[in-house]
Amino acid sequence: MESRYKYLRIQGLELAENTMYAKGVFSMCWQLVQNDVMDEEDADLFKEIDAWFADVLPYPPQCKNNEKVVCFFKTENSEEMMKMIRPALWLLEKYEHPYFLVYTNTPGEIVYEDKYQVVVKVPGILNIEPLQESWSPED
């Protein structure tokens, strides 16, 4: 499947404490495991998924060092990754944990790159702007 977008991130509604950026798929699933939301069979399934990724997907030094970064899959090489992550998405759906597939060509400042992913520096400040006034075409 040819995508017009270069990068994909699977993220939720909650912010990660260290980055103040939306938590990624692994953080969301681990949170469900650690909070005993998932039953044992589902937790074991996620642990198998996580172990597969730990074996196949390089662990960026910026993530090891707990830097303020987030990861995006490269869409050009993500077919195998998406096949393996689908059961984790199914688990999020089963436990009614919202997530979003965020596609972009401009993820931010790339500080690491490998065959499957890029790691992007998180901006230091969240920009919160006032709500735009409502408008309608009839105005």
C-alpha atoms as a PDB file:
ATOM      1  CA  MET A   1       0.000   0.000   0.000  1.00  0.00           C
ATOM      2  CA  GLU A   2       1.517   3.294  -1.083  1.00  0.00           C
ATOM      3  CA  SER A   3       0.847   6.091   1.376  1.00  0.00           C
ATOM      4  CA  ARG A   4       1.107   9.760   0.625  1.00  0.00           C
ATOM      5  CA  TYR A   5       2.233  10.234   4.221  1.00  0.00           C
ATOM      6  CA  LYS A   6       5.725   9.314   5.394  1.00  0.00           C
ATOM      7  CA  TYR A   7       5.050   8.751   9.093  1.00  0.00           C
ATOM      8  CA  LEU A   8       2.463   7.197  11.390  1.00  0.00           C
ATOM      9  CA  ARG A   9       2.027   7.464  15.151  1.00  0.00           C
ATOM     10  CA  ILE A  10      -0.572   5.595  17.207  1.00  0.00           C
ATOM     11  CA  GLN A  11      -1.457   7.705  20.210  1.00  0.00           C
ATOM     12  CA  GLY A  12      -4.119   8.231  22.826  1.00  0.00           C
ATOM     13  CA  LEU A  13      -5.844  11.038  24.669  1.00  0.00           C
ATOM     14  CA  GLU A  14      -3.670  11.124  27.789  1.00  0.00           C
ATOM     15  CA  LEU A  15      -0.319  12.891  27.996  1.00  0.00           C
ATOM     16  CA  ALA A  16       2.895  11.148  29.005  1.00  0.00           C
ATOM     17  CA  GLU A  17       4.354  12.748  32.115  1.00  0.00           C
ATOM     18  CA  ASN A  18       7.924  13.026  30.797  1.00  0.00           C
ATOM     19  CA  THR A  19       7.059  14.475  27.370  1.00  0.00           C
ATOM     20  CA  MET A  20       3.668  16.144  27.913  1.00  0.00           C
ATOM     21  CA  TYR A  21       2.804  14.597  24.529  1.00  0.00           C
ATOM     22  CA  ALA A  22       0.081  12.078  23.755  1.00  0.00           C
ATOM     23  CA  LYS A  23       1.004   8.584  24.971  1.00  0.00           C
ATOM     24  CA  GLY A  24       1.886   6.051  22.313  1.00  0.00           C
ATOM     25  CA  VAL A  25       0.396   2.603  21.763  1.00  0.00           C
ATOM     26  CA  PHE A  26       2.918   0.757  23.947  1.00  0.00           C
ATOM     27  CA  SER A  27       2.488   3.156  26.879  1.00  0.00           C
ATOM     28  CA  MET A  28      -1.286   2.913  26.654  1.00  0.00           C
ATOM     29  CA  CYS A  29      -1.240  -0.897  26.643  1.00  0.00           C
ATOM     30  CA  TRP A  30       1.307  -1.109  29.470  1.00  0.00           C
ATOM     31  CA  GLN A  31      -0.888   1.230  31.502  1.00  0.00           C
ATOM     32  CA  LEU A  32      -3.828  -1.174  31.053  1.00  0.00           C
ATOM     33  CA  VAL A  33      -1.626  -4.098  32.114  1.00  0.00           C
ATOM     34  CA  GLN A  34      -0.131  -2.334  35.146  1.00  0.00           C
ATOM     35  CA  ASN A  35      -3.523  -1.068  36.333  1.00  0.00           C
ATOM     36  CA  ASP A  36      -4.944  -4.620  36.125  1.00  0.00           C
ATOM     37  CA  VAL A  37      -7.506  -3.533  33.545  1.00  0.00           C
ATOM     38  CA  MET A  38      -6.571  -6.323  31.122  1.00  0.00           C
ATOM     39  CA  ASP A  39      -7.364  -9.877  32.070  1.00  0.00           C
ATOM     40  CA  GLU A  40      -4.368 -12.212  32.330  1.00  0.00           C
ATOM     41  CA  GLU A  41      -4.749 -13.761  28.874  1.00  0.00           C
ATOM     42  CA  ASP A  42      -4.896 -10.336  27.196  1.00  0.00           C
ATOM     43  CA  ALA A  43      -1.969  -9.054  29.273  1.00  0.00           C
ATOM     44  CA  ASP A  44       0.058 -12.086  28.166  1.00  0.00           C
ATOM     45  CA  LEU A  45      -0.855 -11.378  24.539  1.00  0.00           C
ATOM     46  CA  PHE A  46       0.346  -7.787  24.848  1.00  0.00           C
ATOM     47  CA  LYS A  47       3.576  -8.916  26.537  1.00  0.00           C
ATOM     48  CA  GLU A  48       4.222 -11.228  23.556  1.00  0.00           C
ATOM     49  CA  ILE A  49       3.602  -8.326  21.156  1.00  0.00           C
ATOM     50  CA  ASP A  50       5.919  -6.073  23.176  1.00  0.00           C
ATOM     51  CA  ALA A  51       8.628  -8.773  23.252  1.00  0.00           C
ATOM     52  CA  TRP A  52       8.430  -9.181  19.460  1.00  0.00           C
ATOM     53  CA  PHE A  53       8.914  -5.438  18.985  1.00  0.00           C
ATOM     54  CA  ALA A  54      11.767  -5.429  21.501  1.00  0.00           C
ATOM     55  CA  ASP A  55      13.514  -8.096  19.384  1.00  0.00           C
ATOM     56  CA  VAL A  56      12.844  -6.569  15.961  1.00  0.00           C
ATOM     57  CA  LEU A  57      12.512  -2.800  16.371  1.00  0.00           C
ATOM     58  CA  PRO A  58      15.718  -0.976  17.360  1.00  0.00           C
ATOM     59  CA  TYR A  59      15.471   0.833  20.713  1.00  0.00           C
ATOM     60  CA  PRO A  60      16.581   4.428  20.063  1.00  0.00           C
ATOM     61  CA  PRO A  61      19.182   5.840  22.483  1.00  0.00           C
ATOM     62  CA  GLN A  62      16.972   8.901  23.066  1.00  0.00           C
ATOM     63  CA  CYS A  63      14.219   6.603  24.387  1.00  0.00           C
ATOM     64  CA  LYS A  64      16.707   4.679  26.560  1.00  0.00           C
ATOM     65  CA  ASN A  65      17.843   7.996  28.023  1.00  0.00           C
ATOM     66  CA  ASN A  66      14.221   9.047  28.699  1.00  0.00           C
ATOM     67  CA  GLU A  67      14.642  12.186  26.586  1.00  0.00           C
ATOM     68  CA  LYS A  68      11.630  14.247  25.552  1.00  0.00           C
ATOM     69  CA  VAL A  69      11.007  12.411  22.289  1.00  0.00           C
ATOM     70  CA  VAL A  70       8.235  10.476  20.551  1.00  0.00           C
ATOM     71  CA  CYS A  71       8.404   7.797  17.860  1.00  0.00           C
ATOM     72  CA  PHE A  72       6.677   7.545  14.490  1.00  0.00           C
ATOM     73  CA  PHE A  73       6.621   4.476  12.259  1.00  0.00           C
ATOM     74  CA  LYS A  74       7.790   5.024   8.691  1.00  0.00           C
ATOM     75  CA  THR A  75       4.864   4.190   6.438  1.00  0.00           C
ATOM     76  CA  GLU A  76       7.177   2.924   3.664  1.00  0.00           C
ATOM     77  CA  ASN A  77       8.405   0.071   5.883  1.00  0.00           C
ATOM     78  CA  SER A  78       5.526  -0.299   8.323  1.00  0.00           C
ATOM     79  CA  GLU A  79       3.567  -3.186   6.775  1.00  0.00           C
ATOM     80  CA  GLU A  80       5.147  -5.811   9.033  1.00  0.00           C
ATOM     81  CA  MET A  81       5.020  -3.497  12.043  1.00  0.00           C
ATOM     82  CA  MET A  82       1.317  -2.756  11.523  1.00  0.00           C
ATOM     83  CA  LYS A  83       0.546  -6.455  11.109  1.00  0.00           C
ATOM     84  CA  MET A  84       2.178  -7.128  14.484  1.00  0.00           C
ATOM     85  CA  ILE A  85       0.648  -4.092  16.257  1.00  0.00           C
ATOM     86  CA  ARG A  86      -2.964  -4.830  15.176  1.00  0.00           C
ATOM     87  CA  PRO A  87      -3.615  -7.173  18.127  1.00  0.00           C
ATOM     88  CA  ALA A  88      -2.566  -4.361  20.489  1.00  0.00           C
ATOM     89  CA  LEU A  89      -5.070  -2.055  18.793  1.00  0.00           C
ATOM     90  CA  TRP A  90      -7.694  -4.761  19.187  1.00  0.00           C
ATOM     91  CA  LEU A  91      -6.871  -4.859  22.920  1.00  0.00           C
ATOM     92  CA  LEU A  92      -7.276  -1.079  23.184  1.00  0.00           C
ATOM     93  CA  GLU A  93     -10.662  -1.391  21.485  1.00  0.00           C
ATOM     94  CA  LYS A  94     -11.702  -4.318  23.674  1.00  0.00           C
ATOM     95  CA  TYR A  95     -10.998  -2.266  26.800  1.00  0.00           C
ATOM     96  CA  GLU A  96     -12.571   0.854  25.244  1.00  0.00           C
ATOM     97  CA  HIS A  97      -9.358   2.837  25.371  1.00  0.00           C
ATOM     98  CA  PRO A  98      -9.453   5.512  22.621  1.00  0.00           C
ATOM     99  CA  TYR A  99      -6.551   5.853  20.228  1.00  0.00           C
ATOM    100  CA  PHE A 100      -5.799   7.690  17.005  1.00  0.00           C
ATOM    101  CA  LEU A 101      -3.739   6.883  13.936  1.00  0.00           C
ATOM    102  CA  VAL A 102      -1.872  10.107  13.204  1.00  0.00           C
ATOM    103  CA  TYR A 103      -0.393  10.341   9.715  1.00  0.00           C
ATOM    104  CA  THR A 104       1.979  13.170   8.864  1.00  0.00           C
ATOM    105  CA  ASN A 105       4.825  14.273   6.623  1.00  0.00           C
ATOM    106  CA  THR A 106       6.101  16.774   9.201  1.00  0.00           C
ATOM    107  CA  PRO A 107       6.541  15.022  12.549  1.00  0.00           C
ATOM    108  CA  GLY A 108       9.026  17.590  13.894  1.00  0.00           C
ATOM    109  CA  GLU A 109      12.782  17.654  14.432  1.00  0.00           C
ATOM    110  CA  ILE A 110      14.065  14.137  13.729  1.00  0.00           C
ATOM    111  CA  VAL A 111      16.865  13.153  16.143  1.00  0.00           C
ATOM    112  CA  TYR A 112      17.067   9.434  15.276  1.00  0.00           C
ATOM    113  CA  GLU A 113      16.135   7.299  12.288  1.00  0.00           C
ATOM    114  CA  ASP A 114      16.308   3.632  11.375  1.00  0.00           C
ATOM    115  CA  LYS A 115      14.635   1.378   8.803  1.00  0.00           C
ATOM    116  CA  TYR A 116      11.264   1.348  10.592  1.00  0.00           C
ATOM    117  CA  GLN A 117      10.931   4.565  12.594  1.00  0.00           C
ATOM    118  CA  VAL A 118      11.958   8.107  13.331  1.00  0.00           C
ATOM    119  CA  VAL A 119      12.331   9.692  16.739  1.00  0.00           C
ATOM    120  CA  VAL A 120      11.256  13.301  17.054  1.00  0.00           C
ATOM    121  CA  LYS A 121      12.169  15.874  19.658  1.00  0.00           C
ATOM    122  CA  VAL A 122       9.102  17.092  21.560  1.00  0.00           C
ATOM    123  CA  PRO A 123       8.771  20.880  21.675  1.00  0.00           C
ATOM    124  CA  GLY A 124       9.275  22.164  25.209  1.00  0.00           C
ATOM    125  CA  ILE A 125       6.032  24.099  25.459  1.00  0.00           C
ATOM    126  CA  LEU A 126       2.441  23.234  24.645  1.00  0.00           C
ATOM    127  CA  ASN A 127       0.771  26.023  22.713  1.00  0.00           C
ATOM    128  CA  ILE A 128      -2.766  26.526  23.963  1.00  0.00           C
ATOM    129  CA  GLU A 129      -4.642  29.087  21.953  1.00  0.00           C
ATOM    130  CA  PRO A 130      -8.041  30.604  22.658  1.00  0.00           C
ATOM    131  CA  LEU A 131     -11.013  28.875  21.119  1.00  0.00           C
ATOM    132  CA  GLN A 132     -11.960  30.257  17.735  1.00  0.00           C
ATOM    133  CA  GLU A 133     -15.325  31.961  17.694  1.00  0.00           C
ATOM    134  CA  SER A 134     -18.055  29.921  16.104  1.00  0.00           C
ATOM    135  CA  TRP A 135     -18.842  30.738  12.517  1.00  0.00           C
ATOM    136  CA  SER A 136     -21.140  29.478   9.862  1.00  0.00           C
ATOM    137  CA  PRO A 137     -21.352  29.967   6.090  1.00  0.00           C
ATOM    138  CA  GLU A 138     -24.566  31.939   6.617  1.00  0.00           C
ATOM    139  CA  ASP A 139     -22.814  34.703   8.619  1.00  0.00           C
END
